[in-house]
Amino acid sequence: MNKYISIAAAAVLFLLGKCLITINQFRSGASAKVNKKPGEKVSISVMMGSGGHSAELLKMIDALMFKVYTPRLWLIHSGDTLTTNRVVELENFKQTAATLDWTDSGYYAIKYLHRLRGVGEGYSKLPGNLFVSFIQCLSLSILPPPDISNPSSTRSNSITDAPSPHLGDMLIMNGPSTCVSLVAAIWVAKLVGIPHPKMIYIESFTRVDGISTTGKLVKPFVDTFITQWKEDDSVENWLI
């Protein structure tokens, strides 16, 4: 009996030490960099909202060099066909432009996530939706990605790209409540030592005098928090 207690105590101490080290590295900014050489490909994931949020984020992603930022994983809420069409339209445009330049725009995939709260939906379903959303995000954070050699209707392959971790090197978000589930799941991966993306949260352009509820929840836990105004003098806030 004492043997099992000792093993359990050692495991708890190990996990506690790991948590403290991870939190200290995060607070010191040691984890806020993507270690890539100039010109080296950076795999990204993008958490899309709906309506204005998706339009804002698409404009920002459109400015990236797709041949460098690849593979790309687009995270979209289930049933959001409008955002899906916008993403596919952007990807097709980039691929056409790249073909004309004798290059390619890389590989992308679309993953659908459960929405925390639908339009007009009451708060009574929020706990259940949060649980489903967190499990989905956790699977993306800790499980290996599927084999990209098997194309699907939600996947576009390029022979120049190799499989990459689900969420890639960097996760970009700008508002939907599902960001809370994503950030929580990534922190689970961080604490157990699983490779994880750097998290960048960008407040909506319409937020010029205050932080959204989602922003307030995730701000202490993301690597970079970008606002549209200068909130304070810390390096985590960027003025656009």
Protein backbone atom coordinates (compact mmCIF):
# COMPACT_ATOMS: atom_id res chain seq x y z
CA MET A 1 0.00 0.00 0.00
CA ASN A 2 2.79 2.39 0.92
CA LYS A 3 4.46 1.58 -2.40
CA TYR A 4 1.43 2.77 -4.38
CA ILE A 5 1.16 5.89 -2.25
CA SER A 6 4.83 6.69 -2.95
CA ILE A 7 4.35 6.18 -6.68
CA ALA A 8 1.24 8.38 -6.69
CA ALA A 9 3.04 11.09 -4.69
CA ALA A 10 6.00 10.99 -7.08
CA ALA A 11 3.66 11.31 -10.07
CA VAL A 12 1.86 14.27 -8.50
CA LEU A 13 5.17 15.99 -7.72
CA PHE A 14 6.38 15.39 -11.27
CA LEU A 15 3.20 16.84 -12.80
CA LEU A 16 3.30 19.78 -10.40
CA GLY A 17 6.92 20.48 -11.31
CA LYS A 18 6.10 20.21 -15.00
CA CYS A 19 3.20 22.65 -14.58
CA LEU A 20 5.36 25.15 -12.71
CA ILE A 21 8.12 24.97 -15.34
CA THR A 22 5.62 25.39 -18.18
CA ILE A 23 3.90 28.34 -16.51
CA ASN A 24 7.26 29.99 -15.75
CA GLN A 25 8.38 29.61 -19.38
CA PHE A 26 5.07 31.04 -20.55
CA ARG A 27 5.26 34.03 -18.21
CA SER A 28 8.85 34.75 -19.24
CA GLY A 29 7.91 34.70 -22.91
CA ALA A 30 10.18 31.75 -23.69
CA SER A 31 7.38 29.97 -25.54
CA ALA A 32 6.21 32.91 -27.65
CA LYS A 33 8.47 32.32 -30.65
CA VAL A 34 8.07 30.03 -33.65
CA ASN A 35 11.54 28.61 -34.23
CA LYS A 36 11.77 28.75 -38.01
CA LYS A 37 14.52 29.83 -40.37
CA PRO A 38 13.80 32.60 -42.93
CA GLY A 39 11.83 31.13 -45.81
CA GLU A 40 11.05 27.91 -43.95
CA LYS A 41 7.42 26.82 -44.05
CA VAL A 42 5.19 27.59 -41.07
CA SER A 43 2.08 25.46 -40.59
CA ILE A 44 -0.89 27.37 -39.20
CA SER A 45 -4.43 26.81 -38.01
CA VAL A 46 -7.11 29.49 -38.18
CA MET A 47 -10.20 29.56 -35.94
CA MET A 48 -12.93 31.14 -38.02
CA GLY A 49 -15.91 32.91 -36.51
CA SER A 50 -18.96 33.85 -38.51
CA GLY A 51 -20.15 37.01 -40.26
CA GLY A 52 -17.91 39.99 -39.55
CA HIS A 53 -15.36 37.98 -37.58
CA SER A 54 -14.67 35.65 -40.50
CA ALA A 55 -14.48 38.56 -42.96
CA GLU A 56 -11.88 40.32 -40.78
CA LEU A 57 -9.74 37.23 -40.34
CA LEU A 58 -9.89 36.32 -44.02
CA LYS A 59 -8.54 39.77 -44.91
CA MET A 60 -5.59 39.23 -42.57
CA ILE A 61 -4.86 35.70 -43.77
CA ASP A 62 -5.14 36.86 -47.39
CA ALA A 63 -2.07 39.04 -46.79
CA LEU A 64 0.11 36.02 -45.93
CA MET A 65 2.39 34.23 -48.39
CA PHE A 66 0.53 30.94 -48.71
CA LYS A 67 3.57 29.10 -50.10
CA VAL A 68 5.32 29.85 -46.79
CA TYR A 69 2.38 29.49 -44.39
CA THR A 70 1.48 25.90 -45.22
CA PRO A 71 -0.13 23.52 -44.42
CA ARG A 72 -3.17 25.50 -43.28
CA LEU A 73 -5.99 24.10 -41.16
CA TRP A 74 -9.22 26.08 -41.21
CA LEU A 75 -11.41 25.52 -38.14
CA ILE A 76 -15.06 26.32 -38.90
CA HIS A 77 -18.26 25.84 -36.93
CA SER A 78 -20.49 22.99 -38.09
CA GLY A 79 -23.18 24.17 -40.48
CA ASP A 80 -21.45 27.45 -41.36
CA THR A 81 -21.58 27.03 -45.13
CA LEU A 82 -21.04 30.74 -45.80
CA THR A 83 -17.65 30.76 -44.05
CA THR A 84 -16.72 27.47 -45.72
CA ASN A 85 -17.48 28.94 -49.15
CA ARG A 86 -15.41 32.04 -48.36
CA VAL A 87 -12.43 29.94 -47.28
CA VAL A 88 -12.60 27.70 -50.36
CA GLU A 89 -12.94 30.77 -52.58
CA LEU A 90 -9.81 32.31 -51.04
CA GLU A 91 -7.85 29.07 -51.34
CA ASN A 92 -8.86 28.62 -54.98
CA PHE A 93 -7.90 32.21 -55.77
CA LYS A 94 -4.50 31.76 -54.13
CA GLN A 95 -3.90 28.49 -55.98
CA THR A 96 -4.80 30.07 -59.32
CA ALA A 97 -2.49 33.02 -58.65
CA ALA A 98 0.31 30.69 -57.58
CA THR A 99 -0.08 28.57 -60.72
CA LEU A 100 0.33 31.66 -62.89
CA ASP A 101 3.59 32.37 -61.02
CA TRP A 102 4.78 28.76 -61.49
CA THR A 103 4.59 28.12 -57.75
CA ASP A 104 1.95 26.57 -55.52
CA SER A 105 -0.06 27.77 -52.56
CA GLY A 106 0.52 24.66 -50.48
CA TYR A 107 -1.88 22.39 -48.70
CA TYR A 108 -4.98 23.15 -46.69
CA ALA A 109 -7.71 21.29 -44.85
CA ILE A 110 -11.01 22.19 -43.21
CA LYS A 111 -12.13 20.87 -39.83
CA TYR A 112 -15.58 21.47 -38.40
CA LEU A 113 -16.06 22.13 -34.69
CA HIS A 114 -19.14 22.15 -32.48
CA ARG A 115 -20.44 25.64 -31.78
CA LEU A 116 -20.57 26.63 -28.10
CA ARG A 117 -23.74 28.65 -28.47
CA GLY A 118 -25.85 29.01 -31.57
CA VAL A 119 -27.70 32.15 -32.59
CA GLY A 120 -30.74 32.54 -30.33
CA GLU A 121 -29.81 29.47 -28.29
CA GLY A 122 -30.29 29.63 -24.52
CA TYR A 123 -27.52 29.18 -21.98
CA SER A 124 -28.95 25.89 -20.69
CA LYS A 125 -27.16 23.98 -23.46
CA LEU A 126 -23.84 25.75 -22.90
CA PRO A 127 -22.28 23.16 -20.50
CA GLY A 128 -22.99 20.28 -22.88
CA ASN A 129 -21.80 22.25 -25.91
CA LEU A 130 -18.65 23.26 -24.04
CA PHE A 131 -17.89 19.63 -23.21
CA VAL A 132 -18.33 18.47 -26.82
CA SER A 133 -16.28 21.40 -28.12
CA PHE A 134 -13.46 20.77 -25.63
CA ILE A 135 -13.25 17.07 -26.53
CA GLN A 136 -13.02 17.97 -30.23
CA CYS A 137 -10.31 20.55 -29.56
CA LEU A 138 -8.45 18.15 -27.28
CA SER A 139 -8.33 15.54 -30.03
CA LEU A 140 -6.82 18.15 -32.36
CA SER A 141 -4.25 19.09 -29.71
CA ILE A 142 -3.00 15.66 -28.65
CA LEU A 143 -3.74 13.19 -31.47
CA PRO A 144 -1.60 12.84 -34.62
CA PRO A 145 -3.09 14.22 -37.85
CA PRO A 146 -4.65 11.98 -40.52
CA ASP A 147 -2.65 10.75 -43.49
CA ILE A 148 -2.87 13.43 -46.18
CA SER A 149 -2.23 10.82 -48.88
CA ASN A 150 -5.98 10.05 -48.74
CA PRO A 151 -7.69 13.10 -50.29
CA SER A 152 -11.17 14.12 -49.20
CA SER A 153 -13.66 16.80 -50.16
CA THR A 154 -12.38 18.98 -47.32
CA ARG A 155 -8.72 18.59 -48.14
CA SER A 156 -6.45 19.99 -50.81
CA ASN A 157 -3.09 18.29 -51.20
CA SER A 158 0.21 19.48 -52.55
CA ILE A 159 2.98 16.96 -53.16
CA THR A 160 5.50 19.44 -51.78
CA ASP A 161 3.99 19.29 -48.29
CA ALA A 162 4.42 16.65 -45.63
CA PRO A 163 1.89 15.89 -42.88
CA SER A 164 1.99 18.36 -40.02
CA PRO A 165 0.56 18.33 -36.48
CA HIS A 166 -3.15 19.12 -36.52
CA LEU A 167 -2.87 22.66 -35.21
CA GLY A 168 0.55 23.34 -36.71
CA ASP A 169 3.14 25.84 -35.51
CA MET A 170 0.73 28.71 -34.94
CA LEU A 171 -2.96 29.15 -34.11
CA ILE A 172 -4.67 32.41 -35.10
CA MET A 173 -7.99 33.41 -33.49
CA ASN A 174 -10.14 36.53 -33.44
CA GLY A 175 -13.23 36.15 -31.33
CA PRO A 176 -15.55 33.12 -31.44
CA SER A 177 -16.27 31.52 -28.07
CA THR A 178 -14.83 28.22 -29.31
CA CYS A 179 -11.44 29.87 -28.77
CA VAL A 180 -11.89 29.14 -25.05
CA SER A 181 -12.08 25.39 -25.74
CA LEU A 182 -9.10 25.58 -28.09
CA VAL A 183 -6.89 27.44 -25.64
CA ALA A 184 -7.82 25.08 -22.79
CA ALA A 185 -7.06 22.02 -24.93
CA ILE A 186 -3.70 23.43 -26.05
CA TRP A 187 -2.75 24.08 -22.43
CA VAL A 188 -3.41 20.41 -21.68
CA ALA A 189 -0.94 19.57 -24.45
CA LYS A 190 1.55 22.09 -23.06
CA LEU A 191 1.39 20.65 -19.54
CA VAL A 192 1.95 17.05 -20.66
CA GLY A 193 4.78 17.99 -23.01
CA ILE A 194 3.04 17.45 -26.37
CA PRO A 195 4.13 19.76 -29.25
CA HIS A 196 1.66 22.61 -29.52
CA PRO A 197 1.13 25.77 -31.57
CA LYS A 198 1.86 29.32 -30.49
CA MET A 199 -1.44 31.05 -29.84
CA ILE A 200 -2.23 34.46 -31.33
CA TYR A 201 -5.51 36.15 -30.42
CA ILE A 202 -6.57 39.21 -32.43
CA GLU A 203 -9.44 41.33 -31.14
CA SER A 204 -12.14 42.29 -33.62
CA PHE A 205 -11.71 45.59 -35.48
CA THR A 206 -14.97 46.73 -33.87
CA ARG A 207 -13.47 46.43 -30.39
CA VAL A 208 -11.84 49.83 -30.03
CA ASP A 209 -12.53 50.63 -26.39
CA GLY A 210 -12.79 47.32 -24.56
CA ILE A 211 -12.00 43.61 -24.69
CA SER A 212 -14.63 41.04 -25.65
CA THR A 213 -15.75 38.37 -23.19
CA THR A 214 -13.80 35.71 -25.08
CA GLY A 215 -10.76 37.97 -25.12
CA LYS A 216 -10.90 38.46 -21.36
CA LEU A 217 -11.05 34.69 -20.82
CA VAL A 218 -8.15 33.74 -23.10
CA LYS A 219 -5.86 36.76 -22.65
CA PRO A 220 -3.84 35.34 -19.70
CA PHE A 221 -3.21 32.09 -21.58
CA VAL A 222 -2.26 33.03 -25.15
CA ASP A 223 1.25 33.84 -26.38
CA THR A 224 0.30 37.06 -28.17
CA PHE A 225 -2.79 39.21 -27.62
CA ILE A 226 -3.40 41.90 -30.25
CA THR A 227 -5.81 44.79 -29.75
CA GLN A 228 -6.86 47.69 -31.96
CA TRP A 229 -5.84 50.23 -29.32
CA LYS A 230 -2.94 50.61 -26.91
CA GLU A 231 -4.32 49.09 -23.73
CA ASP A 232 -1.08 49.29 -21.72
CA ASP A 233 2.68 49.25 -22.17
CA SER A 234 3.18 45.47 -21.99
CA VAL A 235 4.66 43.73 -25.03
CA GLU A 236 1.69 41.42 -25.37
CA ASN A 237 -0.55 44.19 -26.73
CA TRP A 238 -0.03 45.47 -30.25
CA LEU A 239 -1.57 48.60 -31.67
CA ILE A 240 -2.82 48.26 -35.23
